[in-house]
Amino acid sequence: MVIEIENFDGVRAIRFQRPEVLNAFNDELGLAVVKAVQEASADESVRCIVLTGSGRGFSSGEDLAALASVYASGEAPTLSDPLTTRYNPLVRAIVGAPKPVVAAVNGVAAGAGASVAFACDFRVAVDSAKFVLAFVKVGLIPDAGGLWFLSRMIGSARAWRLAASGAPLGAAEALELGILDASVPAEEFENHWRELATSLAKGPTKAFAEMKKLHYSAATATIDEQLDLEVDAQAASGSTEDHLEGVQAFLTKRPPNFQGR
């Protein structure tokens, strides 16, 4: 079993289960996570998705040690294959999920493991966690959208320096830069991400989905295009049961009870 799935309070937590290699991705783990995220996205009972790791790491990225025999032969493997079959589908599944996706970073997130965390909508980490765009250390480029997400979060100059140096970024600095939403002590970490996920799962799910679309369209849309997209998104949000509930709650001065519909 390479992943563990837990459901609670409208949340589906997907935990990577290769702790002996810091949850490095191979075909089995990568494809299992892609399938799990896609299934959670399609399940209307799931209103928030969490990705986290077991043991000391979130994910150390691609399992290069598993390819040792190939490298020993003097020939490099075709590294485009895991991108097209695993990483790119996973990033697209996270971005396209019509509900919030939280990365609960329980330890090191390196290489494509960092990229997967960056692709999520929210990131919380244990205060000892580190992010490492380690690709340059082995003569590769950041993939799985890592540089794209990072540039949007902290600006292209900072993202370039991190990618070009391969230097580790601690949780405290990641929080200061805005990469993380929270950095918490180890003893508080599990409760923190569970509380965050539960809170998100109680939110207006359809509005979150429309917000995600607008968040990504803003990267390339003109202001006129974005305004037109907002018209459609607001019309879709305004036709939901959650919108009516939100207005009624506001008028009667009570907390809303959103149902994700």
C-alpha atoms as a PDB file:
ATOM      1  CA  MET A   1       0.000   0.000   0.000  1.00  0.00           C
ATOM      2  CA  VAL A   2       1.684   3.202  -1.186  1.00  0.00           C
ATOM      3  CA  ILE A   3      -1.033   5.602  -0.048  1.00  0.00           C
ATOM      4  CA  GLU A   4      -3.374   5.730   2.912  1.00  0.00           C
ATOM      5  CA  ILE A   5      -6.760   7.403   2.536  1.00  0.00           C
ATOM      6  CA  GLU A   6      -8.708   8.838   5.449  1.00  0.00           C
ATOM      7  CA  ASN A   7     -12.117  10.507   5.312  1.00  0.00           C
ATOM      8  CA  PHE A   8     -13.415  12.837   8.035  1.00  0.00           C
ATOM      9  CA  ASP A   9     -15.827  15.788   8.176  1.00  0.00           C
ATOM     10  CA  GLY A  10     -15.959  16.256   4.391  1.00  0.00           C
ATOM     11  CA  VAL A  11     -12.165  15.960   4.113  1.00  0.00           C
ATOM     12  CA  ARG A  12     -10.220  13.314   2.216  1.00  0.00           C
ATOM     13  CA  ALA A  13      -6.629  13.015   3.381  1.00  0.00           C
ATOM     14  CA  ILE A  14      -4.224  11.218   1.045  1.00  0.00           C
ATOM     15  CA  ARG A  15      -1.036  10.169   2.847  1.00  0.00           C
ATOM     16  CA  PHE A  16       2.029   9.034   0.915  1.00  0.00           C
ATOM     17  CA  GLN A  17       3.294   5.732   2.309  1.00  0.00           C
ATOM     18  CA  ARG A  18       6.926   5.223   1.299  1.00  0.00           C
ATOM     19  CA  PRO A  19       8.573   6.575   4.452  1.00  0.00           C
ATOM     20  CA  GLU A  20      11.706   4.457   3.995  1.00  0.00           C
ATOM     21  CA  VAL A  21      12.651   6.654   1.004  1.00  0.00           C
ATOM     22  CA  LEU A  22      11.094   9.909   2.272  1.00  0.00           C
ATOM     23  CA  ASN A  23       8.047   9.203   0.097  1.00  0.00           C
ATOM     24  CA  ALA A  24      10.023   9.454  -3.128  1.00  0.00           C
ATOM     25  CA  PHE A  25       7.796   9.053  -6.157  1.00  0.00           C
ATOM     26  CA  ASN A  26       7.946   5.974  -8.332  1.00  0.00           C
ATOM     27  CA  ASP A  27       5.338   4.807 -10.837  1.00  0.00           C
ATOM     28  CA  GLU A  28       3.253   3.027  -8.211  1.00  0.00           C
ATOM     29  CA  LEU A  29       3.049   5.956  -5.801  1.00  0.00           C
ATOM     30  CA  GLY A  30       2.692   8.611  -8.485  1.00  0.00           C
ATOM     31  CA  LEU A  31      -0.141   6.884 -10.308  1.00  0.00           C
ATOM     32  CA  ALA A  32      -1.907   6.060  -7.042  1.00  0.00           C
ATOM     33  CA  VAL A  33      -1.864   9.709  -5.965  1.00  0.00           C
ATOM     34  CA  VAL A  34      -3.134  10.885  -9.367  1.00  0.00           C
ATOM     35  CA  LYS A  35      -6.035   8.431  -9.161  1.00  0.00           C
ATOM     36  CA  ALA A  36      -6.805   9.348  -5.545  1.00  0.00           C
ATOM     37  CA  VAL A  37      -6.936  13.088  -6.280  1.00  0.00           C
ATOM     38  CA  GLN A  38      -9.106  12.553  -9.355  1.00  0.00           C
ATOM     39  CA  GLU A  39     -11.512  10.367  -7.380  1.00  0.00           C
ATOM     40  CA  ALA A  40     -11.673  12.871  -4.525  1.00  0.00           C
ATOM     41  CA  SER A  41     -12.385  15.650  -7.008  1.00  0.00           C
ATOM     42  CA  ALA A  42     -15.307  13.732  -8.484  1.00  0.00           C
ATOM     43  CA  ASP A  43     -16.777  12.725  -5.105  1.00  0.00           C
ATOM     44  CA  GLU A  44     -19.330  15.337  -4.017  1.00  0.00           C
ATOM     45  CA  SER A  45     -19.083  14.187  -0.406  1.00  0.00           C
ATOM     46  CA  VAL A  46     -15.455  15.376  -0.398  1.00  0.00           C
ATOM     47  CA  ARG A  47     -15.182  19.130   0.064  1.00  0.00           C
ATOM     48  CA  CYS A  48     -11.470  19.443   0.820  1.00  0.00           C
ATOM     49  CA  ILE A  49      -8.461  17.322  -0.189  1.00  0.00           C
ATOM     50  CA  VAL A  50      -5.255  17.003   1.836  1.00  0.00           C
ATOM     51  CA  LEU A  51      -1.920  15.665   0.605  1.00  0.00           C
ATOM     52  CA  THR A  52       0.613  14.719   3.265  1.00  0.00           C
ATOM     53  CA  GLY A  53       3.425  12.273   3.879  1.00  0.00           C
ATOM     54  CA  SER A  54       4.271   9.578   6.369  1.00  0.00           C
ATOM     55  CA  GLY A  55       7.450   9.527   8.409  1.00  0.00           C
ATOM     56  CA  ARG A  56      10.020  12.315   8.165  1.00  0.00           C
ATOM     57  CA  GLY A  57       9.270  13.620   4.682  1.00  0.00           C
ATOM     58  CA  PHE A  58       6.483  15.011   2.557  1.00  0.00           C
ATOM     59  CA  SER A  59       8.242  13.768  -0.575  1.00  0.00           C
ATOM     60  CA  SER A  60      11.852  13.800  -1.699  1.00  0.00           C
ATOM     61  CA  GLY A  61      10.781  13.872  -5.335  1.00  0.00           C
ATOM     62  CA  GLU A  62      11.610  11.301  -7.988  1.00  0.00           C
ATOM     63  CA  ASP A  63      13.103   8.039  -6.741  1.00  0.00           C
ATOM     64  CA  LEU A  64      16.416   8.271  -8.591  1.00  0.00           C
ATOM     65  CA  ALA A  65      17.867   5.443  -6.478  1.00  0.00           C
ATOM     66  CA  ALA A  66      15.382   3.096  -8.129  1.00  0.00           C
ATOM     67  CA  LEU A  67      17.007   4.014 -11.446  1.00  0.00           C
ATOM     68  CA  ALA A  68      20.551   3.281 -10.227  1.00  0.00           C
ATOM     69  CA  SER A  69      21.027   0.286 -12.501  1.00  0.00           C
ATOM     70  CA  VAL A  70      20.043   2.328 -15.536  1.00  0.00           C
ATOM     71  CA  TYR A  71      22.476   5.097 -14.645  1.00  0.00           C
ATOM     72  CA  ALA A  72      25.191   2.526 -13.880  1.00  0.00           C
ATOM     73  CA  SER A  73      24.960   1.362 -17.489  1.00  0.00           C
ATOM     74  CA  GLY A  74      26.100   4.796 -18.559  1.00  0.00           C
ATOM     75  CA  GLU A  75      22.768   5.724 -20.095  1.00  0.00           C
ATOM     76  CA  ALA A  76      20.224   8.110 -18.601  1.00  0.00           C
ATOM     77  CA  PRO A  77      16.554   7.107 -18.490  1.00  0.00           C
ATOM     78  CA  THR A  78      13.944   9.054 -20.443  1.00  0.00           C
ATOM     79  CA  LEU A  79      12.939  11.539 -17.766  1.00  0.00           C
ATOM     80  CA  SER A  80      10.094  12.948 -19.816  1.00  0.00           C
ATOM     81  CA  ASP A  81       8.122   9.751 -19.205  1.00  0.00           C
ATOM     82  CA  PRO A  82       7.310  10.302 -15.497  1.00  0.00           C
ATOM     83  CA  LEU A  83       6.347  13.883 -16.321  1.00  0.00           C
ATOM     84  CA  THR A  84       3.793  12.926 -18.943  1.00  0.00           C
ATOM     85  CA  THR A  85       2.435   9.871 -17.113  1.00  0.00           C
ATOM     86  CA  ARG A  86       2.523  10.989 -13.460  1.00  0.00           C
ATOM     87  CA  TYR A  87       3.615  14.466 -12.457  1.00  0.00           C
ATOM     88  CA  ASN A  88       1.814  16.556 -15.043  1.00  0.00           C
ATOM     89  CA  PRO A  89      -1.467  14.654 -14.573  1.00  0.00           C
ATOM     90  CA  LEU A  90      -1.107  15.104 -10.804  1.00  0.00           C
ATOM     91  CA  VAL A  91      -0.486  18.843 -11.028  1.00  0.00           C
ATOM     92  CA  ARG A  92      -3.411  19.225 -13.425  1.00  0.00           C
ATOM     93  CA  ALA A  93      -5.619  17.201 -11.082  1.00  0.00           C
ATOM     94  CA  ILE A  94      -4.689  19.439  -8.139  1.00  0.00           C
ATOM     95  CA  VAL A  95      -5.175  22.680 -10.063  1.00  0.00           C
ATOM     96  CA  GLY A  96      -8.399  21.456 -11.641  1.00  0.00           C
ATOM     97  CA  ALA A  97      -9.914  20.065  -8.441  1.00  0.00           C
ATOM     98  CA  PRO A  98     -13.208  21.933  -7.832  1.00  0.00           C
ATOM     99  CA  LYS A  99     -12.437  22.140  -4.118  1.00  0.00           C
ATOM    100  CA  PRO A 100      -9.525  23.306  -1.965  1.00  0.00           C
ATOM    101  CA  VAL A 101      -6.383  21.159  -1.876  1.00  0.00           C
ATOM    102  CA  VAL A 102      -4.097  21.447   1.155  1.00  0.00           C
ATOM    103  CA  ALA A 103      -0.458  20.359   1.294  1.00  0.00           C
ATOM    104  CA  ALA A 104       0.324  19.326   4.874  1.00  0.00           C
ATOM    105  CA  VAL A 105       4.112  19.328   4.640  1.00  0.00           C
ATOM    106  CA  ASN A 106       5.347  17.070   7.415  1.00  0.00           C
ATOM    107  CA  GLY A 107       9.042  17.217   6.513  1.00  0.00           C
ATOM    108  CA  VAL A 108      11.340  17.749   3.557  1.00  0.00           C
ATOM    109  CA  ALA A 109       9.711  18.538   0.217  1.00  0.00           C
ATOM    110  CA  ALA A 110      12.377  18.261  -2.453  1.00  0.00           C
ATOM    111  CA  GLY A 111      12.434  18.220  -6.233  1.00  0.00           C
ATOM    112  CA  ALA A 112       9.049  17.260  -7.629  1.00  0.00           C
ATOM    113  CA  GLY A 113       7.857  16.824  -4.038  1.00  0.00           C
ATOM    114  CA  ALA A 114       8.262  20.582  -3.600  1.00  0.00           C
ATOM    115  CA  SER A 115       6.502  21.196  -6.918  1.00  0.00           C
ATOM    116  CA  VAL A 116       3.506  19.123  -5.808  1.00  0.00           C
ATOM    117  CA  ALA A 117       3.288  21.110  -2.572  1.00  0.00           C
ATOM    118  CA  PHE A 118       3.509  24.398  -4.514  1.00  0.00           C
ATOM    119  CA  ALA A 119       0.645  23.271  -6.763  1.00  0.00           C
ATOM    120  CA  CYS A 120      -1.752  22.995  -3.814  1.00  0.00           C
ATOM    121  CA  ASP A 121      -4.093  25.816  -2.820  1.00  0.00           C
ATOM    122  CA  PHE A 122      -2.910  25.954   0.799  1.00  0.00           C
ATOM    123  CA  ARG A 123       0.385  24.915   2.378  1.00  0.00           C
ATOM    124  CA  VAL A 124       1.005  24.330   6.057  1.00  0.00           C
ATOM    125  CA  ALA A 125       4.204  22.833   7.380  1.00  0.00           C
ATOM    126  CA  VAL A 126       5.877  21.549  10.469  1.00  0.00           C
ATOM    127  CA  ASP A 127       8.444  24.137  11.539  1.00  0.00           C
ATOM    128  CA  SER A 128      11.351  21.798  10.748  1.00  0.00           C
ATOM    129  CA  ALA A 129      10.252  21.311   7.116  1.00  0.00           C
ATOM    130  CA  LYS A 130      12.454  22.347   4.222  1.00  0.00           C
ATOM    131  CA  PHE A 131      11.728  22.999   0.564  1.00  0.00           C
ATOM    132  CA  VAL A 132      14.512  22.189  -1.878  1.00  0.00           C
ATOM    133  CA  LEU A 133      14.442  22.680  -5.634  1.00  0.00           C
ATOM    134  CA  ALA A 134      17.261  20.176  -5.846  1.00  0.00           C
ATOM    135  CA  PHE A 135      17.140  19.651  -9.613  1.00  0.00           C
ATOM    136  CA  VAL A 136      20.232  21.738 -10.377  1.00  0.00           C
ATOM    137  CA  LYS A 137      22.291  19.511  -8.068  1.00  0.00           C
ATOM    138  CA  VAL A 138      21.835  16.660 -10.537  1.00  0.00           C
ATOM    139  CA  GLY A 139      21.944  18.739 -13.701  1.00  0.00           C
ATOM    140  CA  LEU A 140      18.199  19.000 -14.232  1.00  0.00           C
ATOM    141  CA  ILE A 141      15.592  21.749 -14.427  1.00  0.00           C
ATOM    142  CA  PRO A 142      12.642  22.249 -12.050  1.00  0.00           C
ATOM    143  CA  ASP A 143       9.644  20.366 -13.370  1.00  0.00           C
ATOM    144  CA  ALA A 144       6.046  19.555 -12.410  1.00  0.00           C
ATOM    145  CA  GLY A 145       5.368  23.293 -12.589  1.00  0.00           C
ATOM    146  CA  GLY A 146       7.621  24.101  -9.638  1.00  0.00           C
ATOM    147  CA  LEU A 147       9.187  27.244 -11.076  1.00  0.00           C
ATOM    148  CA  TRP A 148       5.839  28.459 -12.457  1.00  0.00           C
ATOM    149  CA  PHE A 149       4.073  28.184  -9.100  1.00  0.00           C
ATOM    150  CA  LEU A 150       7.017  29.575  -7.160  1.00  0.00           C
ATOM    151  CA  SER A 151       7.394  32.570  -9.471  1.00  0.00           C
ATOM    152  CA  ARG A 152       3.734  33.450  -8.928  1.00  0.00           C
ATOM    153  CA  MET A 153       4.131  33.205  -5.170  1.00  0.00           C
ATOM    154  CA  ILE A 154       7.414  35.004  -4.550  1.00  0.00           C
ATOM    155  CA  GLY A 155       8.363  36.701  -7.827  1.00  0.00           C
ATOM    156  CA  SER A 156      10.565  35.545 -10.675  1.00  0.00           C
ATOM    157  CA  ALA A 157      13.877  36.849  -9.301  1.00  0.00           C
ATOM    158  CA  ARG A 158      13.597  35.027  -5.978  1.00  0.00           C
ATOM    159  CA  ALA A 159      12.276  31.893  -7.669  1.00  0.00           C
ATOM    160  CA  TRP A 160      15.204  31.932 -10.096  1.00  0.00           C
ATOM    161  CA  ARG A 161      17.738  32.226  -7.265  1.00  0.00           C
ATOM    162  CA  LEU A 162      16.225  29.298  -5.384  1.00  0.00           C
ATOM    163  CA  ALA A 163      16.089  27.148  -8.511  1.00  0.00           C
ATOM    164  CA  ALA A 164      19.576  28.060  -9.689  1.00  0.00           C
ATOM    165  CA  SER A 165      21.186  27.523  -6.287  1.00  0.00           C
ATOM    166  CA  GLY A 166      19.256  24.474  -5.157  1.00  0.00           C
ATOM    167  CA  ALA A 167      19.561  25.889  -1.645  1.00  0.00           C
ATOM    168  CA  PRO A 168      17.123  24.629   0.988  1.00  0.00           C
ATOM    169  CA  LEU A 169      14.385  26.969   2.152  1.00  0.00           C
ATOM    170  CA  GLY A 170      13.331  26.533   5.762  1.00  0.00           C
ATOM    171  CA  ALA A 171       9.752  26.751   6.963  1.00  0.00           C
ATOM    172  CA  ALA A 172      10.280  30.082   8.734  1.00  0.00           C
ATOM    173  CA  GLU A 173      11.568  31.777   5.578  1.00  0.00           C
ATOM    174  CA  ALA A 174       8.914  30.069   3.443  1.00  0.00           C
ATOM    175  CA  LEU A 175       6.274  31.496   5.772  1.00  0.00           C
ATOM    176  CA  GLU A 176       7.812  34.967   5.570  1.00  0.00           C
ATOM    177  CA  LEU A 177       7.887  34.809   1.766  1.00  0.00           C
ATOM    178  CA  GLY A 178       4.240  33.778   1.618  1.00  0.00           C
ATOM    179  CA  ILE A 179       4.811  30.229   0.360  1.00  0.00           C
ATOM    180  CA  LEU A 180       3.339  28.821   3.561  1.00  0.00           C
ATOM    181  CA  ASP A 181       0.070  29.719   5.230  1.00  0.00           C
ATOM    182  CA  ALA A 182       1.356  28.437   8.559  1.00  0.00           C
ATOM    183  CA  SER A 183       4.425  26.884  10.162  1.00  0.00           C
ATOM    184  CA  VAL A 184       3.731  25.059  13.405  1.00  0.00           C
ATOM    185  CA  PRO A 185       5.629  22.921  15.941  1.00  0.00           C
ATOM    186  CA  ALA A 186       5.612  19.165  15.370  1.00  0.00           C
ATOM    187  CA  GLU A 187       3.312  18.499  18.316  1.00  0.00           C
ATOM    188  CA  GLU A 188       0.676  20.869  16.867  1.00  0.00           C
ATOM    189  CA  PHE A 189       1.061  19.998  13.193  1.00  0.00           C
ATOM    190  CA  GLU A 190      -1.486  17.189  12.801  1.00  0.00           C
ATOM    191  CA  ASN A 191      -4.220  19.060  14.663  1.00  0.00           C
ATOM    192  CA  HIS A 192      -3.494  22.252  12.739  1.00  0.00           C
ATOM    193  CA  TRP A 193      -3.901  20.838   9.251  1.00  0.00           C
ATOM    194  CA  ARG A 194      -6.941  18.839  10.295  1.00  0.00           C
ATOM    195  CA  GLU A 195      -8.617  21.958  11.685  1.00  0.00           C
ATOM    196  CA  LEU A 196      -7.763  23.940   8.548  1.00  0.00           C
ATOM    197  CA  ALA A 197      -9.090  21.206   6.245  1.00  0.00           C
ATOM    198  CA  THR A 198     -12.272  20.802   8.290  1.00  0.00           C
ATOM    199  CA  SER A 199     -12.851  24.567   8.178  1.00  0.00           C
ATOM    200  CA  LEU A 200     -12.380  24.638   4.394  1.00  0.00           C
ATOM    201  CA  ALA A 201     -14.710  21.665   3.999  1.00  0.00           C
ATOM    202  CA  LYS A 202     -17.422  23.678   5.740  1.00  0.00           C
ATOM    203  CA  GLY A 203     -17.044  26.526   3.256  1.00  0.00           C
ATOM    204  CA  PRO A 204     -18.959  27.324   0.037  1.00  0.00           C
ATOM    205  CA  THR A 205     -17.404  24.626  -2.159  1.00  0.00           C
ATOM    206  CA  LYS A 206     -18.833  25.860  -5.472  1.00  0.00           C
ATOM    207  CA  ALA A 207     -17.544  29.375  -4.813  1.00  0.00           C
ATOM    208  CA  PHE A 208     -14.092  27.963  -4.021  1.00  0.00           C
ATOM    209  CA  ALA A 209     -14.152  26.167  -7.386  1.00  0.00           C
ATOM    210  CA  GLU A 210     -14.975  29.367  -9.271  1.00  0.00           C
ATOM    211  CA  MET A 211     -12.330  31.252  -7.283  1.00  0.00           C
ATOM    212  CA  LYS A 212      -9.669  28.732  -8.301  1.00  0.00           C
ATOM    213  CA  LYS A 213     -10.509  29.232 -11.969  1.00  0.00           C
ATOM    214  CA  LEU A 214     -10.213  33.019 -11.612  1.00  0.00           C
ATOM    215  CA  HIS A 215      -6.993  32.706  -9.638  1.00  0.00           C
ATOM    216  CA  TYR A 216      -5.295  30.893 -12.515  1.00  0.00           C
ATOM    217  CA  SER A 217      -6.883  32.867 -15.339  1.00  0.00           C
ATOM    218  CA  ALA A 218      -5.530  36.057 -13.752  1.00  0.00           C
ATOM    219  CA  ALA A 219      -2.010  34.984 -14.731  1.00  0.00           C
ATOM    220  CA  THR A 220      -2.637  35.499 -18.437  1.00  0.00           C
ATOM    221  CA  ALA A 221      -5.989  37.251 -18.873  1.00  0.00           C
ATOM    222  CA  THR A 222      -6.329  40.925 -19.710  1.00  0.00           C
ATOM    223  CA  ILE A 223      -8.433  42.954 -17.301  1.00  0.00           C
ATOM    224  CA  ASP A 224     -11.309  42.897 -19.796  1.00  0.00           C
ATOM    225  CA  GLU A 225     -11.062  39.125 -20.130  1.00  0.00           C
ATOM    226  CA  GLN A 226     -10.914  38.690 -16.369  1.00  0.00           C
ATOM    227  CA  LEU A 227     -13.932  40.927 -15.823  1.00  0.00           C
ATOM    228  CA  ASP A 228     -15.917  38.859 -18.321  1.00  0.00           C
ATOM    229  CA  LEU A 229     -14.857  35.646 -16.590  1.00  0.00           C
ATOM    230  CA  GLU A 230     -15.965  37.116 -13.275  1.00  0.00           C
ATOM    231  CA  VAL A 231     -19.441  37.723 -14.709  1.00  0.00           C
ATOM    232  CA  ASP A 232     -19.816  34.012 -15.494  1.00  0.00           C
ATOM    233  CA  ALA A 233     -18.245  32.918 -12.207  1.00  0.00           C
ATOM    234  CA  GLN A 234     -20.465  35.200 -10.148  1.00  0.00           C
ATOM    235  CA  ALA A 235     -23.548  34.027 -12.001  1.00  0.00           C
ATOM    236  CA  ALA A 236     -22.602  30.406 -11.258  1.00  0.00           C
ATOM    237  CA  SER A 237     -21.876  31.178  -7.602  1.00  0.00           C
ATOM    238  CA  GLY A 238     -25.056  33.187  -7.219  1.00  0.00           C
ATOM    239  CA  SER A 239     -27.193  30.271  -8.365  1.00  0.00           C
ATOM    240  CA  THR A 240     -25.977  27.952  -5.589  1.00  0.00           C
ATOM    241  CA  GLU A 241     -27.801  26.923  -2.444  1.00  0.00           C
ATOM    242  CA  ASP A 242     -24.754  28.083  -0.477  1.00  0.00           C
ATOM    243  CA  HIS A 243     -25.196  31.643  -1.722  1.00  0.00           C
ATOM    244  CA  LEU A 244     -28.813  31.699  -0.558  1.00  0.00           C
ATOM    245  CA  GLU A 245     -27.775  30.217   2.780  1.00  0.00           C
ATOM    246  CA  GLY A 246     -25.013  32.793   3.145  1.00  0.00           C
ATOM    247  CA  VAL A 247     -27.385  35.679   2.546  1.00  0.00           C
ATOM    248  CA  GLN A 248     -29.976  34.283   4.947  1.00  0.00           C
ATOM    249  CA  ALA A 249     -27.294  33.790   7.593  1.00  0.00           C
ATOM    250  CA  PHE A 250     -26.072  37.349   7.088  1.00  0.00           C
ATOM    251  CA  LEU A 251     -29.575  38.803   7.373  1.00  0.00           C
ATOM    252  CA  THR A 252     -30.403  36.802  10.495  1.00  0.00           C
ATOM    253  CA  LYS A 253     -26.962  37.387  12.043  1.00  0.00           C
ATOM    254  CA  ARG A 254     -26.011  33.733  12.400  1.00  0.00           C
ATOM    255  CA  PRO A 255     -23.096  31.642  11.068  1.00  0.00           C
ATOM    256  CA  PRO A 256     -23.807  30.120   7.630  1.00  0.00           C
ATOM    257  CA  ASN A 257     -24.265  26.384   7.287  1.00  0.00           C
ATOM    258  CA  PHE A 258     -22.860  25.731   3.818  1.00  0.00           C
ATOM    259  CA  GLN A 259     -23.557  22.353   2.227  1.00  0.00           C
ATOM    260  CA  GLY A 260     -21.295  22.578  -0.811  1.00  0.00           C
ATOM    261  CA  ARG A 261     -24.244  22.838  -3.179  1.00  0.00           C
END
